[in-house]
Structure formats: C-alpha cells, structure tokens
Amino acid sequence: MAAKYLTSLLVLATAVVALPSSPASPLLKAKRSVTCVKVGATATATWTNSAGETCTFSGVVGSNYGENAVGGDYSCNGRCGAGCTGVALGDVYTQDCFTHDICSYFNDSTDGASDPNCGAAYEAAEDDYLLGEIDGCGQTNPSEAAVAPTTTPVCS
C-alpha cells in the first residue's frame, strides 16, 4: 500500500511542478482547492460509494479510531498522510483528507485512487497533501487513545 501511495504522490508531484506557477493559470485554479479544518472540531465527510449512494459521517478532526479491519492506521483522522506519524508533508489537516480518511476507514480502502468507494476522495485529497502546509493547514497532532466510532455513515 505504501508503494502505491508513494508512486501516486510522485506522479502528482511531477504534474504539479510542471504546472504554470501563475495564479491566473486555469489549470492551477481547477486543481487547487484546499480547505483547512481544525483539530478538535466536528467535520462532515461526504463521498459517493460504488453503489452511487451519497454517504455522510460527522466526526471529530484528529480523532483516533485505531486500525480498521485491514490494518490501516486511523490515528489522526483528517491529517493528510498515514495516521499521526506516517509519510506526510507536515501535519496538515484538511476537509478532503478528513473525507478520505473516514471513507477509507469504513470501507477498508487500500487501493488509493482506484478504490471503487474512496478513489474520488483520494484524488480530491491529493492537492491538499501537496499544498496544505503552504495554505496554512498545519497543526499539532493530538495524542488521543484509540476509540472506534459508535456510529456508521449514512448512505442513500
């Protein structure tokens, strides 16, 4: 999984470096949309699953759900990167990274952009991963004990 993640990151980083640096560039404007979220605040994750249903789940940014059924690290939900200590470009918390984390936790996602449930959320979080620190989304990671959520997403 880490190899796929790093490969995707390198491909995206190459594409971003190749973009014109002018803020007027339509390509740059279309790709860049980073929304910071605060650790400890409640956020709502919304995604479309493989059945075409819209799923929503509200939770706390920075929450620690521990591992999901396939062993993924969900110790800092909303952080752009793996858990609280995995590969990342700073300790950045964004809406798109929160949505991807929540979708992945509940759907046992491991396939990055090609995941049938969370692939779109993964792609939406790519620019957050690369640009979140520059956009001021960096924060201190919380250190909470792992507590699995008591509710599940609503999909319809």
N, C-alpha and C. Protein backbone atom coordinates (compact mmCIF):
# COMPACT_ATOMS: atom_id res chain seq x y z
N MET A 1 0.82 -1.19 0.00
CA MET A 1 0.00 0.00 0.00
C MET A 1 0.87 1.25 0.00
N ALA A 2 1.93 1.25 0.80
CA ALA A 2 2.80 2.41 0.87
C ALA A 2 3.46 2.69 -0.48
N ALA A 3 3.82 1.63 -1.20
CA ALA A 3 4.45 1.81 -2.50
C ALA A 3 3.48 2.48 -3.48
N LYS A 4 2.21 2.04 -3.49
CA LYS A 4 1.21 2.65 -4.36
C LYS A 4 1.03 4.12 -4.00
N TYR A 5 0.99 4.41 -2.70
CA TYR A 5 0.79 5.76 -2.21
C TYR A 5 1.94 6.65 -2.66
N LEU A 6 3.17 6.17 -2.48
CA LEU A 6 4.34 6.96 -2.86
C LEU A 6 4.41 7.15 -4.37
N THR A 7 4.05 6.12 -5.14
CA THR A 7 4.05 6.24 -6.59
C THR A 7 3.05 7.30 -7.03
N SER A 8 1.84 7.26 -6.45
CA SER A 8 0.83 8.27 -6.78
C SER A 8 1.32 9.66 -6.42
N LEU A 9 1.96 9.79 -5.27
CA LEU A 9 2.48 11.07 -4.83
C LEU A 9 3.54 11.59 -5.80
N LEU A 10 4.45 10.73 -6.24
CA LEU A 10 5.49 11.17 -7.16
C LEU A 10 4.91 11.60 -8.50
N VAL A 11 3.92 10.86 -9.00
CA VAL A 11 3.28 11.24 -10.25
C VAL A 11 2.60 12.60 -10.10
N LEU A 12 1.87 12.78 -9.00
CA LEU A 12 1.18 14.05 -8.77
C LEU A 12 2.18 15.18 -8.58
N ALA A 13 3.25 14.94 -7.83
CA ALA A 13 4.24 15.99 -7.60
C ALA A 13 4.87 16.42 -8.92
N THR A 14 5.14 15.48 -9.80
CA THR A 14 5.68 15.81 -11.11
C THR A 14 4.70 16.66 -11.90
N ALA A 15 3.42 16.31 -11.84
CA ALA A 15 2.40 17.08 -12.56
C ALA A 15 2.28 18.49 -12.00
N VAL A 16 2.33 18.64 -10.69
CA VAL A 16 2.19 19.95 -10.08
C VAL A 16 3.40 20.82 -10.40
N VAL A 17 4.60 20.25 -10.38
CA VAL A 17 5.80 21.01 -10.71
C VAL A 17 5.73 21.49 -12.16
N ALA A 18 5.10 20.71 -13.02
CA ALA A 18 5.01 21.08 -14.43
C ALA A 18 3.95 22.14 -14.70
N LEU A 19 3.08 22.42 -13.73
CA LEU A 19 2.04 23.42 -13.91
C LEU A 19 2.64 24.82 -13.95
N PRO A 20 2.04 25.72 -14.72
CA PRO A 20 2.49 27.10 -14.69
C PRO A 20 2.32 27.66 -13.28
N SER A 21 3.26 28.47 -12.82
CA SER A 21 3.19 28.98 -11.46
C SER A 21 2.28 30.20 -11.31
N SER A 22 1.80 30.73 -12.39
CA SER A 22 0.93 31.90 -12.34
C SER A 22 -0.40 31.56 -11.70
N PRO A 23 -0.86 32.35 -10.69
CA PRO A 23 -2.16 32.09 -10.09
C PRO A 23 -3.30 32.24 -11.09
N ALA A 24 -3.05 32.90 -12.21
CA ALA A 24 -4.09 33.08 -13.22
C ALA A 24 -4.28 31.83 -14.08
N SER A 25 -3.39 30.86 -13.93
CA SER A 25 -3.48 29.65 -14.73
C SER A 25 -4.77 28.90 -14.45
N PRO A 26 -5.62 28.66 -15.47
CA PRO A 26 -6.87 27.94 -15.24
C PRO A 26 -6.62 26.52 -14.74
N LEU A 27 -5.53 25.89 -15.17
CA LEU A 27 -5.23 24.53 -14.72
C LEU A 27 -4.93 24.52 -13.22
N LEU A 28 -4.15 25.49 -12.76
CA LEU A 28 -3.83 25.57 -11.35
C LEU A 28 -5.07 25.88 -10.52
N LYS A 29 -5.91 26.78 -10.99
CA LYS A 29 -7.14 27.11 -10.27
C LYS A 29 -8.06 25.90 -10.19
N ALA A 30 -8.15 25.12 -11.25
CA ALA A 30 -9.04 23.97 -11.27
C ALA A 30 -8.57 22.90 -10.29
N LYS A 31 -7.28 22.72 -10.13
CA LYS A 31 -6.75 21.66 -9.28
C LYS A 31 -6.71 22.06 -7.81
N ARG A 32 -6.43 23.30 -7.54
CA ARG A 32 -6.17 23.72 -6.17
C ARG A 32 -7.45 24.13 -5.46
N SER A 33 -7.79 23.37 -4.42
CA SER A 33 -8.93 23.71 -3.59
C SER A 33 -8.72 23.07 -2.22
N VAL A 34 -8.02 23.76 -1.36
CA VAL A 34 -7.67 23.25 -0.05
C VAL A 34 -8.50 23.98 1.01
N THR A 35 -9.22 23.21 1.82
CA THR A 35 -9.99 23.77 2.93
C THR A 35 -9.44 23.20 4.23
N CYS A 36 -8.86 24.06 5.04
CA CYS A 36 -8.31 23.62 6.33
C CYS A 36 -9.44 23.29 7.30
N VAL A 37 -9.21 22.31 8.18
CA VAL A 37 -10.12 22.00 9.28
C VAL A 37 -9.30 21.97 10.57
N LYS A 38 -9.94 22.32 11.67
CA LYS A 38 -9.24 22.43 12.95
C LYS A 38 -9.32 21.14 13.75
N VAL A 39 -8.20 20.72 14.29
CA VAL A 39 -8.17 19.57 15.18
C VAL A 39 -9.11 19.85 16.36
N GLY A 40 -9.96 18.89 16.67
CA GLY A 40 -10.92 19.02 17.77
C GLY A 40 -12.29 19.49 17.33
N ALA A 41 -12.38 20.04 16.12
CA ALA A 41 -13.68 20.50 15.59
C ALA A 41 -14.42 19.32 14.96
N THR A 42 -15.72 19.46 14.84
CA THR A 42 -16.52 18.45 14.14
C THR A 42 -16.55 18.79 12.66
N ALA A 43 -16.37 17.77 11.84
CA ALA A 43 -16.43 17.93 10.39
C ALA A 43 -17.32 16.83 9.83
N THR A 44 -17.85 17.07 8.66
CA THR A 44 -18.69 16.08 8.00
C THR A 44 -18.01 15.61 6.73
N ALA A 45 -17.81 14.31 6.63
CA ALA A 45 -17.25 13.69 5.43
C ALA A 45 -18.41 13.29 4.52
N THR A 46 -18.29 13.59 3.25
CA THR A 46 -19.31 13.23 2.27
C THR A 46 -18.62 12.64 1.05
N TRP A 47 -19.07 11.47 0.60
CA TRP A 47 -18.50 10.83 -0.57
C TRP A 47 -19.57 9.99 -1.27
N THR A 48 -19.27 9.58 -2.48
CA THR A 48 -20.17 8.70 -3.24
C THR A 48 -19.55 7.31 -3.28
N ASN A 49 -20.31 6.31 -2.83
CA ASN A 49 -19.78 4.94 -2.80
C ASN A 49 -19.95 4.25 -4.15
N SER A 50 -19.48 3.01 -4.24
CA SER A 50 -19.51 2.27 -5.50
C SER A 50 -20.92 1.96 -5.98
N ALA A 51 -21.92 2.05 -5.09
CA ALA A 51 -23.32 1.83 -5.47
C ALA A 51 -23.98 3.12 -5.94
N GLY A 52 -23.21 4.23 -5.99
CA GLY A 52 -23.74 5.51 -6.42
C GLY A 52 -24.49 6.26 -5.33
N GLU A 53 -24.40 5.78 -4.10
CA GLU A 53 -25.06 6.44 -2.98
C GLU A 53 -24.16 7.52 -2.40
N THR A 54 -24.78 8.59 -1.91
CA THR A 54 -24.04 9.62 -1.20
C THR A 54 -23.99 9.22 0.27
N CYS A 55 -22.78 9.16 0.81
CA CYS A 55 -22.58 8.76 2.20
C CYS A 55 -22.09 9.97 2.99
N THR A 56 -22.55 10.09 4.23
CA THR A 56 -22.09 11.16 5.11
C THR A 56 -21.79 10.59 6.49
N PHE A 57 -20.84 11.24 7.14
CA PHE A 57 -20.47 10.86 8.50
C PHE A 57 -19.87 12.09 9.17
N SER A 58 -20.34 12.42 10.36
CA SER A 58 -19.77 13.52 11.13
C SER A 58 -18.90 12.96 12.23
N GLY A 59 -17.72 13.56 12.39
CA GLY A 59 -16.79 13.11 13.41
C GLY A 59 -15.84 14.24 13.79
N VAL A 60 -14.94 13.93 14.69
CA VAL A 60 -14.01 14.92 15.21
C VAL A 60 -12.69 14.86 14.43
N VAL A 61 -12.25 16.00 13.96
CA VAL A 61 -10.97 16.10 13.27
C VAL A 61 -9.86 15.76 14.26
N GLY A 62 -8.96 14.88 13.83
CA GLY A 62 -7.86 14.45 14.69
C GLY A 62 -8.20 13.24 15.55
N SER A 63 -9.44 12.74 15.43
CA SER A 63 -9.85 11.58 16.22
C SER A 63 -8.96 10.38 15.92
N ASN A 64 -8.90 9.47 16.86
CA ASN A 64 -8.09 8.27 16.74
C ASN A 64 -9.02 7.06 16.77
N TYR A 65 -9.24 6.45 15.59
CA TYR A 65 -10.07 5.25 15.50
C TYR A 65 -9.24 3.98 15.56
N GLY A 66 -7.93 4.12 15.70
CA GLY A 66 -7.06 2.95 15.72
C GLY A 66 -6.94 2.36 14.33
N GLU A 67 -6.95 1.02 14.24
CA GLU A 67 -6.86 0.34 12.95
C GLU A 67 -8.24 -0.09 12.47
N ASN A 68 -8.41 -0.10 11.15
CA ASN A 68 -9.65 -0.65 10.61
C ASN A 68 -9.46 -2.15 10.37
N ALA A 69 -10.43 -2.80 9.75
CA ALA A 69 -10.40 -4.25 9.58
C ALA A 69 -9.22 -4.76 8.77
N VAL A 70 -8.64 -3.93 7.91
CA VAL A 70 -7.50 -4.36 7.10
C VAL A 70 -6.16 -3.81 7.62
N GLY A 71 -6.17 -3.23 8.82
CA GLY A 71 -4.94 -2.79 9.45
C GLY A 71 -4.49 -1.38 9.14
N GLY A 72 -5.33 -0.57 8.49
CA GLY A 72 -4.96 0.82 8.21
C GLY A 72 -4.89 1.64 9.49
N ASP A 73 -4.01 2.63 9.53
CA ASP A 73 -3.79 3.47 10.71
C ASP A 73 -4.67 4.72 10.62
N TYR A 74 -5.64 4.81 11.52
CA TYR A 74 -6.56 5.95 11.55
C TYR A 74 -6.43 6.68 12.89
N SER A 75 -5.18 7.04 13.21
CA SER A 75 -4.89 7.67 14.49
C SER A 75 -5.02 9.19 14.47
N CYS A 76 -5.07 9.81 13.35
CA CYS A 76 -5.22 11.27 13.25
C CYS A 76 -6.12 11.59 12.06
N ASN A 77 -7.41 11.30 12.18
CA ASN A 77 -8.34 11.48 11.06
C ASN A 77 -8.38 12.94 10.61
N GLY A 78 -8.17 13.11 9.31
CA GLY A 78 -8.13 14.44 8.72
C GLY A 78 -6.72 14.90 8.38
N ARG A 79 -5.72 14.20 8.93
CA ARG A 79 -4.33 14.54 8.62
C ARG A 79 -4.00 13.99 7.24
N CYS A 80 -3.39 14.82 6.43
CA CYS A 80 -3.00 14.40 5.09
C CYS A 80 -1.73 13.56 5.17
N GLY A 81 -1.91 12.27 5.21
CA GLY A 81 -0.82 11.32 5.35
C GLY A 81 -1.31 10.15 6.18
N ALA A 82 -0.46 9.21 6.39
CA ALA A 82 -0.85 7.99 7.11
C ALA A 82 -0.81 8.20 8.62
N GLY A 83 -1.96 8.07 9.27
CA GLY A 83 -2.03 8.18 10.73
C GLY A 83 -1.43 9.47 11.25
N CYS A 84 -0.89 9.41 12.48
CA CYS A 84 -0.26 10.59 13.09
C CYS A 84 1.22 10.70 12.74
N THR A 85 1.84 9.59 12.34
CA THR A 85 3.29 9.60 12.17
C THR A 85 3.76 9.09 10.81
N GLY A 86 2.85 8.72 9.93
CA GLY A 86 3.24 8.19 8.63
C GLY A 86 3.72 9.28 7.69
N VAL A 87 4.09 8.86 6.49
CA VAL A 87 4.61 9.75 5.46
C VAL A 87 3.64 10.91 5.24
N ALA A 88 4.16 12.13 5.29
CA ALA A 88 3.34 13.33 5.10
C ALA A 88 4.25 14.52 4.84
N LEU A 89 3.66 15.58 4.32
CA LEU A 89 4.39 16.84 4.12
C LEU A 89 3.93 17.81 5.21
N GLY A 90 4.29 17.52 6.43
CA GLY A 90 3.84 18.30 7.57
C GLY A 90 2.62 17.67 8.19
N ASP A 91 2.16 18.23 9.28
CA ASP A 91 0.96 17.75 9.97
C ASP A 91 -0.19 18.66 9.55
N VAL A 92 -0.75 18.35 8.40
CA VAL A 92 -1.75 19.16 7.72
C VAL A 92 -3.12 18.51 7.85
N TYR A 93 -4.13 19.30 8.21
CA TYR A 93 -5.50 18.79 8.37
C TYR A 93 -6.42 19.54 7.43
N THR A 94 -7.08 18.78 6.53
CA THR A 94 -7.98 19.40 5.56
C THR A 94 -9.29 18.62 5.45
N GLN A 95 -10.28 19.28 4.88
CA GLN A 95 -11.59 18.65 4.67
C GLN A 95 -11.47 17.42 3.76
N ASP A 96 -10.75 17.55 2.66
CA ASP A 96 -10.64 16.42 1.74
C ASP A 96 -9.89 15.25 2.36
N CYS A 97 -8.86 15.52 3.15
CA CYS A 97 -8.15 14.43 3.82
C CYS A 97 -9.04 13.78 4.88
N PHE A 98 -9.85 14.57 5.57
CA PHE A 98 -10.80 14.01 6.54
C PHE A 98 -11.80 13.10 5.83
N THR A 99 -12.35 13.57 4.71
CA THR A 99 -13.30 12.75 3.96
C THR A 99 -12.66 11.45 3.50
N HIS A 100 -11.45 11.53 2.98
CA HIS A 100 -10.78 10.30 2.53
C HIS A 100 -10.53 9.35 3.70
N ASP A 101 -10.06 9.88 4.82
CA ASP A 101 -9.80 9.02 5.98
C ASP A 101 -11.07 8.31 6.44
N ILE A 102 -12.15 9.04 6.56
CA ILE A 102 -13.41 8.45 7.05
C ILE A 102 -13.93 7.42 6.05
N CYS A 103 -13.95 7.77 4.77
CA CYS A 103 -14.38 6.82 3.74
C CYS A 103 -13.52 5.56 3.80
N SER A 104 -12.21 5.72 3.86
CA SER A 104 -11.30 4.58 3.87
C SER A 104 -11.47 3.72 5.11
N TYR A 105 -11.66 4.35 6.25
CA TYR A 105 -11.84 3.59 7.49
C TYR A 105 -13.04 2.66 7.38
N PHE A 106 -14.16 3.20 6.98
CA PHE A 106 -15.39 2.41 6.95
C PHE A 106 -15.47 1.44 5.77
N ASN A 107 -14.74 1.72 4.69
CA ASN A 107 -14.80 0.86 3.51
C ASN A 107 -13.56 -0.03 3.36
N ASP A 108 -12.68 -0.03 4.36
CA ASP A 108 -11.45 -0.83 4.31
C ASP A 108 -10.70 -0.61 2.99
N SER A 109 -10.60 0.64 2.60
CA SER A 109 -9.98 1.01 1.34
C SER A 109 -8.47 0.87 1.39
N THR A 110 -7.91 0.26 0.36
CA THR A 110 -6.46 0.13 0.27
C THR A 110 -5.93 0.44 -1.13
N ASP A 111 -6.80 0.81 -2.06
CA ASP A 111 -6.40 0.94 -3.45
C ASP A 111 -6.20 2.37 -3.94
N GLY A 112 -6.08 3.33 -3.02
CA GLY A 112 -5.83 4.71 -3.44
C GLY A 112 -6.85 5.21 -4.43
N ALA A 113 -6.37 5.83 -5.50
CA ALA A 113 -7.26 6.45 -6.49
C ALA A 113 -8.13 5.43 -7.23
N SER A 114 -7.72 4.17 -7.24
CA SER A 114 -8.51 3.17 -7.96
C SER A 114 -9.55 2.47 -7.08
N ASP A 115 -9.66 2.85 -5.83
CA ASP A 115 -10.64 2.23 -4.94
C ASP A 115 -12.06 2.58 -5.40
N PRO A 116 -12.95 1.58 -5.51
CA PRO A 116 -14.30 1.85 -6.01
C PRO A 116 -15.15 2.72 -5.09
N ASN A 117 -14.87 2.74 -3.81
CA ASN A 117 -15.64 3.55 -2.87
C ASN A 117 -14.99 4.88 -2.56
N CYS A 118 -13.67 4.88 -2.45
CA CYS A 118 -12.97 6.06 -1.94
C CYS A 118 -11.96 6.67 -2.91
N GLY A 119 -11.91 6.17 -4.13
CA GLY A 119 -10.95 6.68 -5.12
C GLY A 119 -11.11 8.16 -5.40
N ALA A 120 -12.36 8.61 -5.55
CA ALA A 120 -12.59 10.04 -5.82
C ALA A 120 -12.16 10.89 -4.62
N ALA A 121 -12.40 10.40 -3.41
CA ALA A 121 -11.98 11.13 -2.21
C ALA A 121 -10.46 11.19 -2.13
N TYR A 122 -9.80 10.11 -2.52
CA TYR A 122 -8.34 10.07 -2.55
C TYR A 122 -7.82 11.14 -3.52
N GLU A 123 -8.40 11.17 -4.73
CA GLU A 123 -7.96 12.15 -5.73
C GLU A 123 -8.22 13.58 -5.28
N ALA A 124 -9.35 13.82 -4.60
CA ALA A 124 -9.66 15.16 -4.11
C ALA A 124 -8.66 15.60 -3.05
N ALA A 125 -8.08 14.65 -2.31
CA ALA A 125 -7.14 14.98 -1.23
C ALA A 125 -5.70 15.14 -1.71
N GLU A 126 -5.41 14.78 -2.95
CA GLU A 126 -4.03 14.85 -3.43
C GLU A 126 -3.45 16.26 -3.37
N ASP A 127 -4.22 17.26 -3.81
CA ASP A 127 -3.69 18.63 -3.78
C ASP A 127 -3.58 19.13 -2.34
N ASP A 128 -4.44 18.66 -1.45
CA ASP A 128 -4.36 19.03 -0.04
C ASP A 128 -3.04 18.52 0.55
N TYR A 129 -2.68 17.29 0.20
CA TYR A 129 -1.44 16.68 0.68
C TYR A 129 -0.25 17.53 0.24
N LEU A 130 -0.25 17.96 -1.01
CA LEU A 130 0.88 18.72 -1.54
C LEU A 130 0.89 20.19 -1.13
N LEU A 131 -0.28 20.81 -1.00
CA LEU A 131 -0.36 22.25 -0.80
C LEU A 131 -0.87 22.69 0.57
N GLY A 132 -1.32 21.75 1.38
CA GLY A 132 -1.93 22.10 2.66
C GLY A 132 -1.02 22.87 3.60
N GLU A 133 0.23 22.52 3.65
CA GLU A 133 1.18 23.22 4.53
C GLU A 133 1.34 24.66 4.06
N ILE A 134 1.50 24.86 2.77
CA ILE A 134 1.65 26.20 2.20
C ILE A 134 0.40 27.03 2.47
N ASP A 135 -0.77 26.38 2.46
CA ASP A 135 -2.03 27.08 2.66
C ASP A 135 -2.38 27.30 4.13
N GLY A 136 -1.47 26.94 5.03
CA GLY A 136 -1.67 27.24 6.45
C GLY A 136 -2.51 26.23 7.22
N CYS A 137 -2.58 25.00 6.73
CA CYS A 137 -3.40 23.98 7.40
C CYS A 137 -2.61 23.14 8.40
N GLY A 138 -1.36 23.47 8.63
CA GLY A 138 -0.53 22.71 9.57
C GLY A 138 -0.96 22.95 11.01
N GLN A 139 -0.97 21.88 11.80
CA GLN A 139 -1.35 21.94 13.21
C GLN A 139 -0.56 20.91 14.00
N THR A 140 -0.70 20.95 15.30
CA THR A 140 -0.09 19.94 16.16
C THR A 140 -0.99 18.72 16.20
N ASN A 141 -0.38 17.54 16.05
CA ASN A 141 -1.15 16.31 16.12
C ASN A 141 -1.64 16.07 17.55
N PRO A 142 -2.87 15.62 17.69
CA PRO A 142 -3.36 15.26 19.02
C PRO A 142 -2.76 13.92 19.44
N SER A 143 -2.86 13.59 20.69
CA SER A 143 -2.41 12.27 21.17
C SER A 143 -3.55 11.66 21.98
N GLU A 144 -4.49 11.09 21.28
CA GLU A 144 -5.67 10.51 21.89
C GLU A 144 -5.57 8.99 21.88
N ALA A 145 -6.18 8.35 22.86
CA ALA A 145 -6.27 6.89 22.86
C ALA A 145 -7.22 6.46 21.74
N ALA A 146 -6.97 5.29 21.17
CA ALA A 146 -7.82 4.79 20.10
C ALA A 146 -9.20 4.41 20.63
N VAL A 147 -10.22 4.95 19.98
CA VAL A 147 -11.62 4.63 20.30
C VAL A 147 -12.36 4.50 18.97
N ALA A 148 -12.87 3.31 18.70
CA ALA A 148 -13.61 3.10 17.46
C ALA A 148 -14.92 3.90 17.52
N PRO A 149 -15.38 4.39 16.38
CA PRO A 149 -16.64 5.15 16.36
C PRO A 149 -17.81 4.25 16.74
N THR A 150 -18.82 4.86 17.33
CA THR A 150 -20.01 4.11 17.74
C THR A 150 -21.14 4.21 16.71
N THR A 151 -20.95 5.06 15.70
CA THR A 151 -21.94 5.19 14.63
C THR A 151 -21.28 4.88 13.31
N THR A 152 -22.08 4.72 12.29
CA THR A 152 -21.56 4.42 10.95
C THR A 152 -22.11 5.46 9.97
N PRO A 153 -21.51 5.56 8.79
CA PRO A 153 -22.00 6.52 7.81
C PRO A 153 -23.44 6.21 7.40
N VAL A 154 -24.13 7.26 6.98
CA VAL A 154 -25.46 7.12 6.41
C VAL A 154 -25.32 7.25 4.91
N CYS A 155 -25.79 6.26 4.17
CA CYS A 155 -25.68 6.27 2.71
C CYS A 155 -27.08 6.13 2.11
N SER A 156 -27.37 6.97 1.14
CA SER A 156 -28.67 6.87 0.46
C SER A 156 -28.57 7.43 -0.94
